[in-house]
Amino acid sequence: MELGIAIKKASPFKHTIISTLSGGSVGYVPTRQAYTQGQYEVITARVAAGSGEKLVTTAAQILRKLYRAIAEQK
């Protein structure tokens, strides 16, 4: 949830929809902070610490690039 909110905040679009656990999903992606807490989500996670933050950074870069490309077409 936190990662999805971070992507929405970083998005240049007025509306950004986050879809989780869709086809081909790796499952739950914990925040870096969750790894220090060692709860169930971290034990069952299939990704390394920091993967969620990298996901947010990459998604934001892609959204900004798409936004610029759309703006250039107008």
PDB file of N, CA and C in Angstrom:
ATOM      1  N   MET A   1       0.820  -1.187   0.000  1.00  0.00           N
ATOM      2  CA  MET A   1       0.000   0.000   0.000  1.00  0.00           C
ATOM      3  C   MET A   1       0.869   1.258   0.000  1.00  0.00           C
ATOM      4  N   GLU A   2       1.884   1.279   0.857  1.00  0.00           N
ATOM      5  CA  GLU A   2       2.763   2.448   0.935  1.00  0.00           C
ATOM      6  C   GLU A   2       3.476   2.693  -0.385  1.00  0.00           C
ATOM      7  N   LEU A   3       3.902   1.613  -1.037  1.00  0.00           N
ATOM      8  CA  LEU A   3       4.615   1.754  -2.299  1.00  0.00           C
ATOM      9  C   LEU A   3       3.680   2.284  -3.379  1.00  0.00           C
ATOM     10  N   GLY A   4       2.460   1.809  -3.413  1.00  0.00           N
ATOM     11  CA  GLY A   4       1.475   2.299  -4.377  1.00  0.00           C
ATOM     12  C   GLY A   4       1.183   3.777  -4.180  1.00  0.00           C
ATOM     13  N   ILE A   5       1.076   4.195  -2.941  1.00  0.00           N
ATOM     14  CA  ILE A   5       0.841   5.609  -2.638  1.00  0.00           C
ATOM     15  C   ILE A   5       2.036   6.436  -3.085  1.00  0.00           C
ATOM     16  N   ALA A   6       3.230   5.931  -2.878  1.00  0.00           N
ATOM     17  CA  ALA A   6       4.437   6.649  -3.304  1.00  0.00           C
ATOM     18  C   ALA A   6       4.473   6.808  -4.826  1.00  0.00           C
ATOM     19  N   ILE A   7       4.060   5.774  -5.553  1.00  0.00           N
ATOM     20  CA  ILE A   7       4.011   5.863  -7.015  1.00  0.00           C
ATOM     21  C   ILE A   7       2.985   6.916  -7.434  1.00  0.00           C
ATOM     22  N   LYS A   8       1.824   6.900  -6.810  1.00  0.00           N
ATOM     23  CA  LYS A   8       0.785   7.891  -7.137  1.00  0.00           C
ATOM     24  C   LYS A   8       1.289   9.314  -6.884  1.00  0.00           C
ATOM     25  N   LYS A   9       1.966   9.529  -5.776  1.00  0.00           N
ATOM     26  CA  LYS A   9       2.485  10.859  -5.443  1.00  0.00           C
ATOM     27  C   LYS A   9       3.554  11.304  -6.439  1.00  0.00           C
ATOM     28  N   ALA A  10       4.342  10.375  -6.948  1.00  0.00           N
ATOM     29  CA  ALA A  10       5.416  10.706  -7.881  1.00  0.00           C
ATOM     30  C   ALA A  10       4.927  10.871  -9.313  1.00  0.00           C
ATOM     31  N   SER A  11       3.723  10.418  -9.590  1.00  0.00           N
ATOM     32  CA  SER A  11       3.187  10.453 -10.945  1.00  0.00           C
ATOM     33  C   SER A  11       2.827  11.879 -11.357  1.00  0.00           C
ATOM     34  N   PRO A  12       3.193  12.264 -12.580  1.00  0.00           N
ATOM     35  CA  PRO A  12       2.808  13.591 -13.065  1.00  0.00           C
ATOM     36  C   PRO A  12       1.365  13.641 -13.585  1.00  0.00           C
ATOM     37  N   PHE A  13       0.718  12.498 -13.704  1.00  0.00           N
ATOM     38  CA  PHE A  13      -0.646  12.442 -14.205  1.00  0.00           C
ATOM     39  C   PHE A  13      -1.642  12.828 -13.116  1.00  0.00           C
ATOM     40  N   LYS A  14      -2.761  13.408 -13.528  1.00  0.00           N
ATOM     41  CA  LYS A  14      -3.807  13.789 -12.573  1.00  0.00           C
ATOM     42  C   LYS A  14      -4.351  12.554 -11.859  1.00  0.00           C
ATOM     43  N   HIS A  15      -4.527  11.460 -12.604  1.00  0.00           N
ATOM     44  CA  HIS A  15      -5.030  10.212 -12.038  1.00  0.00           C
ATOM     45  C   HIS A  15      -4.051   9.088 -12.367  1.00  0.00           C
ATOM     46  N   THR A  16      -3.680   8.325 -11.386  1.00  0.00           N
ATOM     47  CA  THR A  16      -2.814   7.165 -11.579  1.00  0.00           C
ATOM     48  C   THR A  16      -3.417   6.010 -10.797  1.00  0.00           C
ATOM     49  N   ILE A  17      -3.641   4.905 -11.474  1.00  0.00           N
ATOM     50  CA  ILE A  17      -4.229   3.723 -10.836  1.00  0.00           C
ATOM     51  C   ILE A  17      -3.146   2.681 -10.641  1.00  0.00           C
ATOM     52  N   ILE A  18      -3.076   2.134  -9.467  1.00  0.00           N
ATOM     53  CA  ILE A  18      -2.106   1.091  -9.141  1.00  0.00           C
ATOM     54  C   ILE A  18      -2.853  -0.231  -9.046  1.00  0.00           C
ATOM     55  N   SER A  19      -2.404  -1.201  -9.805  1.00  0.00           N
ATOM     56  CA  SER A  19      -3.008  -2.535  -9.774  1.00  0.00           C
ATOM     57  C   SER A  19      -1.988  -3.501  -9.168  1.00  0.00           C
ATOM     58  N   THR A  20      -2.372  -4.144  -8.097  1.00  0.00           N
ATOM     59  CA  THR A  20      -1.439  -5.062  -7.436  1.00  0.00           C
ATOM     60  C   THR A  20      -1.906  -6.506  -7.562  1.00  0.00           C
ATOM     61  N   LEU A  21      -0.978  -7.391  -7.376  1.00  0.00           N
ATOM     62  CA  LEU A  21      -1.232  -8.830  -7.429  1.00  0.00           C
ATOM     63  C   LEU A  21      -1.957  -9.227  -8.720  1.00  0.00           C
ATOM     64  N   SER A  22      -1.521  -8.645  -9.841  1.00  0.00           N
ATOM     65  CA  SER A  22      -2.095  -9.004 -11.135  1.00  0.00           C
ATOM     66  C   SER A  22      -1.233 -10.069 -11.800  1.00  0.00           C
ATOM     67  N   GLY A  23      -1.655 -10.501 -12.971  1.00  0.00           N
ATOM     68  CA  GLY A  23      -0.978 -11.576 -13.687  1.00  0.00           C
ATOM     69  C   GLY A  23       0.538 -11.480 -13.656  1.00  0.00           C
ATOM     70  N   GLY A  24       1.180 -12.554 -13.272  1.00  0.00           N
ATOM     71  CA  GLY A  24       2.633 -12.608 -13.236  1.00  0.00           C
ATOM     72  C   GLY A  24       3.243 -11.907 -12.037  1.00  0.00           C
ATOM     73  N   SER A  25       2.436 -11.578 -11.047  1.00  0.00           N
ATOM     74  CA  SER A  25       2.918 -10.861  -9.875  1.00  0.00           C
ATOM     75  C   SER A  25       3.917 -11.687  -9.073  1.00  0.00           C
ATOM     76  N   VAL A  26       4.890 -10.998  -8.484  1.00  0.00           N
ATOM     77  CA  VAL A  26       5.862 -11.666  -7.611  1.00  0.00           C
ATOM     78  C   VAL A  26       5.304 -11.828  -6.205  1.00  0.00           C
ATOM     79  N   GLY A  27       4.127 -11.305  -5.968  1.00  0.00           N
ATOM     80  CA  GLY A  27       3.531 -11.365  -4.638  1.00  0.00           C
ATOM     81  C   GLY A  27       3.752 -10.065  -3.885  1.00  0.00           C
ATOM     82  N   TYR A  28       3.704 -10.138  -2.592  1.00  0.00           N
ATOM     83  CA  TYR A  28       3.842  -8.948  -1.758  1.00  0.00           C
ATOM     84  C   TYR A  28       5.259  -8.400  -1.838  1.00  0.00           C
ATOM     85  N   VAL A  29       5.377  -7.077  -2.011  1.00  0.00           N
ATOM     86  CA  VAL A  29       6.683  -6.410  -2.046  1.00  0.00           C
ATOM     87  C   VAL A  29       6.746  -5.480  -0.839  1.00  0.00           C
ATOM     88  N   PRO A  30       7.499  -5.861   0.196  1.00  0.00           N
ATOM     89  CA  PRO A  30       7.585  -5.041   1.397  1.00  0.00           C
ATOM     90  C   PRO A  30       8.430  -3.783   1.186  1.00  0.00           C
ATOM     91  N   THR A  31       8.205  -2.792   2.035  1.00  0.00           N
ATOM     92  CA  THR A  31       9.068  -1.617   2.044  1.00  0.00           C
ATOM     93  C   THR A  31      10.385  -1.992   2.717  1.00  0.00           C
ATOM     94  N   ARG A  32      11.407  -1.167   2.524  1.00  0.00           N
ATOM     95  CA  ARG A  32      12.700  -1.414   3.178  1.00  0.00           C
ATOM     96  C   ARG A  32      12.528  -1.433   4.699  1.00  0.00           C
ATOM     97  N   GLN A  33      11.685  -0.564   5.209  1.00  0.00           N
ATOM     98  CA  GLN A  33      11.444  -0.493   6.653  1.00  0.00           C
ATOM     99  C   GLN A  33      10.847  -1.800   7.176  1.00  0.00           C
ATOM    100  N   ALA A  34      10.000  -2.436   6.385  1.00  0.00           N
ATOM    101  CA  ALA A  34       9.370  -3.687   6.816  1.00  0.00           C
ATOM    102  C   ALA A  34      10.422  -4.773   7.077  1.00  0.00           C
ATOM    103  N   TYR A  35      11.509  -4.744   6.325  1.00  0.00           N
ATOM    104  CA  TYR A  35      12.553  -5.757   6.524  1.00  0.00           C
ATOM    105  C   TYR A  35      13.207  -5.627   7.901  1.00  0.00           C
ATOM    106  N   THR A  36      13.318  -4.426   8.413  1.00  0.00           N
ATOM    107  CA  THR A  36      13.915  -4.246   9.740  1.00  0.00           C
ATOM    108  C   THR A  36      12.971  -4.712  10.841  1.00  0.00           C
ATOM    109  N   GLN A  37      11.665  -4.757  10.535  1.00  0.00           N
ATOM    110  CA  GLN A  37      10.681  -5.185  11.521  1.00  0.00           C
ATOM    111  C   GLN A  37      10.517  -6.702  11.550  1.00  0.00           C
ATOM    112  N   GLY A  38      10.878  -7.377  10.447  1.00  0.00           N
ATOM    113  CA  GLY A  38      10.875  -8.838  10.400  1.00  0.00           C
ATOM    114  C   GLY A  38       9.530  -9.517  10.553  1.00  0.00           C
ATOM    115  N   GLN A  39       8.479  -8.902  10.089  1.00  0.00           N
ATOM    116  CA  GLN A  39       7.147  -9.485  10.210  1.00  0.00           C
ATOM    117  C   GLN A  39       6.901 -10.550   9.140  1.00  0.00           C
ATOM    118  N   TYR A  40       5.714 -11.114   9.129  1.00  0.00           N
ATOM    119  CA  TYR A  40       5.314 -12.177   8.212  1.00  0.00           C
ATOM    120  C   TYR A  40       5.542 -11.800   6.747  1.00  0.00           C
ATOM    121  N   GLU A  41       5.204 -10.558   6.380  1.00  0.00           N
ATOM    122  CA  GLU A  41       5.334 -10.122   4.994  1.00  0.00           C
ATOM    123  C   GLU A  41       6.761 -10.284   4.484  1.00  0.00           C
ATOM    124  N   VAL A  42       7.715 -10.009   5.322  1.00  0.00           N
ATOM    125  CA  VAL A  42       9.125 -10.109   4.935  1.00  0.00           C
ATOM    126  C   VAL A  42       9.554 -11.567   4.804  1.00  0.00           C
ATOM    127  N   ILE A  43       9.091 -12.397   5.692  1.00  0.00           N
ATOM    128  CA  ILE A  43       9.455 -13.814   5.680  1.00  0.00           C
ATOM    129  C   ILE A  43       8.966 -14.482   4.401  1.00  0.00           C
ATOM    130  N   THR A  44       7.792 -14.087   3.919  1.00  0.00           N
ATOM    131  CA  THR A  44       7.221 -14.705   2.725  1.00  0.00           C
ATOM    132  C   THR A  44       7.562 -13.964   1.433  1.00  0.00           C
ATOM    133  N   ALA A  45       8.230 -12.823   1.539  1.00  0.00           N
ATOM    134  CA  ALA A  45       8.553 -12.028   0.352  1.00  0.00           C
ATOM    135  C   ALA A  45       9.561 -12.755  -0.533  1.00  0.00           C
ATOM    136  N   ARG A  46       9.407 -12.570  -1.841  1.00  0.00           N
ATOM    137  CA  ARG A  46      10.327 -13.178  -2.804  1.00  0.00           C
ATOM    138  C   ARG A  46      11.259 -12.142  -3.426  1.00  0.00           C
ATOM    139  N   VAL A  47      11.375 -10.992  -2.788  1.00  0.00           N
ATOM    140  CA  VAL A  47      12.246  -9.932  -3.288  1.00  0.00           C
ATOM    141  C   VAL A  47      13.165  -9.452  -2.171  1.00  0.00           C
ATOM    142  N   ALA A  48      14.271  -8.841  -2.546  1.00  0.00           N
ATOM    143  CA  ALA A  48      15.252  -8.349  -1.581  1.00  0.00           C
ATOM    144  C   ALA A  48      14.829  -7.010  -0.996  1.00  0.00           C
ATOM    145  N   ALA A  49      15.396  -6.688   0.146  1.00  0.00           N
ATOM    146  CA  ALA A  49      15.160  -5.389   0.761  1.00  0.00           C
ATOM    147  C   ALA A  49      15.555  -4.295  -0.228  1.00  0.00           C
ATOM    148  N   GLY A  50      14.729  -3.271  -0.334  1.00  0.00           N
ATOM    149  CA  GLY A  50      14.992  -2.173  -1.254  1.00  0.00           C
ATOM    150  C   GLY A  50      14.325  -2.342  -2.609  1.00  0.00           C
ATOM    151  N   SER A  51      13.799  -3.531  -2.870  1.00  0.00           N
ATOM    152  CA  SER A  51      13.135  -3.778  -4.161  1.00  0.00           C
ATOM    153  C   SER A  51      11.899  -2.911  -4.334  1.00  0.00           C
ATOM    154  N   GLY A  52      11.160  -2.712  -3.263  1.00  0.00           N
ATOM    155  CA  GLY A  52       9.961  -1.879  -3.337  1.00  0.00           C
ATOM    156  C   GLY A  52      10.292  -0.441  -3.685  1.00  0.00           C
ATOM    157  N   GLU A  53      11.325   0.086  -3.062  1.00  0.00           N
ATOM    158  CA  GLU A  53      11.729   1.461  -3.344  1.00  0.00           C
ATOM    159  C   GLU A  53      12.261   1.589  -4.770  1.00  0.00           C
ATOM    160  N   LYS A  54      12.969   0.580  -5.239  1.00  0.00           N
ATOM    161  CA  LYS A  54      13.452   0.570  -6.627  1.00  0.00           C
ATOM    162  C   LYS A  54      12.256   0.533  -7.578  1.00  0.00           C
ATOM    163  N   LEU A  55      11.237  -0.222  -7.236  1.00  0.00           N
ATOM    164  CA  LEU A  55      10.014  -0.287  -8.032  1.00  0.00           C
ATOM    165  C   LEU A  55       9.374   1.092  -8.143  1.00  0.00           C
ATOM    166  N   VAL A  56       9.292   1.812  -7.029  1.00  0.00           N
ATOM    167  CA  VAL A  56       8.715   3.156  -7.021  1.00  0.00           C
ATOM    168  C   VAL A  56       9.537   4.100  -7.906  1.00  0.00           C
ATOM    169  N   THR A  57      10.845   4.073  -7.747  1.00  0.00           N
ATOM    170  CA  THR A  57      11.734   4.934  -8.537  1.00  0.00           C
ATOM    171  C   THR A  57      11.577   4.660 -10.029  1.00  0.00           C
ATOM    172  N   THR A  58      11.589   3.399 -10.402  1.00  0.00           N
ATOM    173  CA  THR A  58      11.479   3.022 -11.812  1.00  0.00           C
ATOM    174  C   THR A  58      10.107   3.378 -12.380  1.00  0.00           C
ATOM    175  N   ALA A  59       9.056   3.105 -11.628  1.00  0.00           N
ATOM    176  CA  ALA A  59       7.701   3.444 -12.084  1.00  0.00           C
ATOM    177  C   ALA A  59       7.573   4.953 -12.284  1.00  0.00           C
ATOM    178  N   ALA A  60       8.113   5.732 -11.363  1.00  0.00           N
ATOM    179  CA  ALA A  60       8.041   7.194 -11.474  1.00  0.00           C
ATOM    180  C   ALA A  60       8.799   7.675 -12.708  1.00  0.00           C
ATOM    181  N   GLN A  61       9.945   7.102 -12.985  1.00  0.00           N
ATOM    182  CA  GLN A  61      10.713   7.480 -14.176  1.00  0.00           C
ATOM    183  C   GLN A  61       9.922   7.175 -15.449  1.00  0.00           C
ATOM    184  N   ILE A  62       9.326   6.002 -15.503  1.00  0.00           N
ATOM    185  CA  ILE A  62       8.541   5.608 -16.675  1.00  0.00           C
ATOM    186  C   ILE A  62       7.321   6.521 -16.840  1.00  0.00           C
ATOM    187  N   LEU A  63       6.638   6.821 -15.754  1.00  0.00           N
ATOM    188  CA  LEU A  63       5.465   7.703 -15.826  1.00  0.00           C
ATOM    189  C   LEU A  63       5.845   9.105 -16.299  1.00  0.00           C
ATOM    190  N   ARG A  64       6.969   9.632 -15.809  1.00  0.00           N
ATOM    191  CA  ARG A  64       7.416  10.965 -16.246  1.00  0.00           C
ATOM    192  C   ARG A  64       7.769  10.958 -17.734  1.00  0.00           C
ATOM    193  N   LYS A  65       8.428   9.901 -18.177  1.00  0.00           N
ATOM    194  CA  LYS A  65       8.804   9.781 -19.590  1.00  0.00           C
ATOM    195  C   LYS A  65       7.541   9.707 -20.461  1.00  0.00           C
ATOM    196  N   LEU A  66       6.566   8.917 -20.041  1.00  0.00           N
ATOM    197  CA  LEU A  66       5.312   8.807 -20.768  1.00  0.00           C
ATOM    198  C   LEU A  66       4.583  10.151 -20.801  1.00  0.00           C
ATOM    199  N   TYR A  67       4.567  10.840 -19.697  1.00  0.00           N
ATOM    200  CA  TYR A  67       3.899  12.143 -19.601  1.00  0.00           C
ATOM    201  C   TYR A  67       4.528  13.125 -20.575  1.00  0.00           C
ATOM    202  N   ARG A  68       5.876  13.164 -20.611  1.00  0.00           N
ATOM    203  CA  ARG A  68       6.575  14.058 -21.544  1.00  0.00           C
ATOM    204  C   ARG A  68       6.260  13.682 -22.995  1.00  0.00           C
ATOM    205  N   ALA A  69       6.237  12.392 -23.298  1.00  0.00           N
ATOM    206  CA  ALA A  69       5.953  11.937 -24.665  1.00  0.00           C
ATOM    207  C   ALA A  69       4.547  12.346 -25.091  1.00  0.00           C
ATOM    208  N   ILE A  70       3.603  12.242 -24.208  1.00  0.00           N
ATOM    209  CA  ILE A  70       2.220  12.649 -24.517  1.00  0.00           C
ATOM    210  C   ILE A  70       2.155  14.158 -24.734  1.00  0.00           C
ATOM    211  N   ALA A  71       2.851  14.905 -23.878  1.00  0.00           N
ATOM    212  CA  ALA A  71       2.855  16.370 -23.980  1.00  0.00           C
ATOM    213  C   ALA A  71       3.478  16.820 -25.299  1.00  0.00           C
ATOM    214  N   GLU A  72       4.493  16.135 -25.768  1.00  0.00           N
ATOM    215  CA  GLU A  72       5.163  16.480 -27.023  1.00  0.00           C
ATOM    216  C   GLU A  72       4.271  16.228 -28.226  1.00  0.00           C
ATOM    217  N   GLN A  73       3.342  15.297 -28.112  1.00  0.00           N
ATOM    218  CA  GLN A  73       2.446  14.983 -29.218  1.00  0.00           C
ATOM    219  C   GLN A  73       1.331  16.013 -29.390  1.00  0.00           C
ATOM    220  N   LYS A  74       1.112  16.798 -28.370  1.00  0.00           N
ATOM    221  CA  LYS A  74       0.009  17.777 -28.418  1.00  0.00           C
ATOM    222  C   LYS A  74       0.431  19.032 -29.172  1.00  0.00           C
TER     223      LYS A  74
END
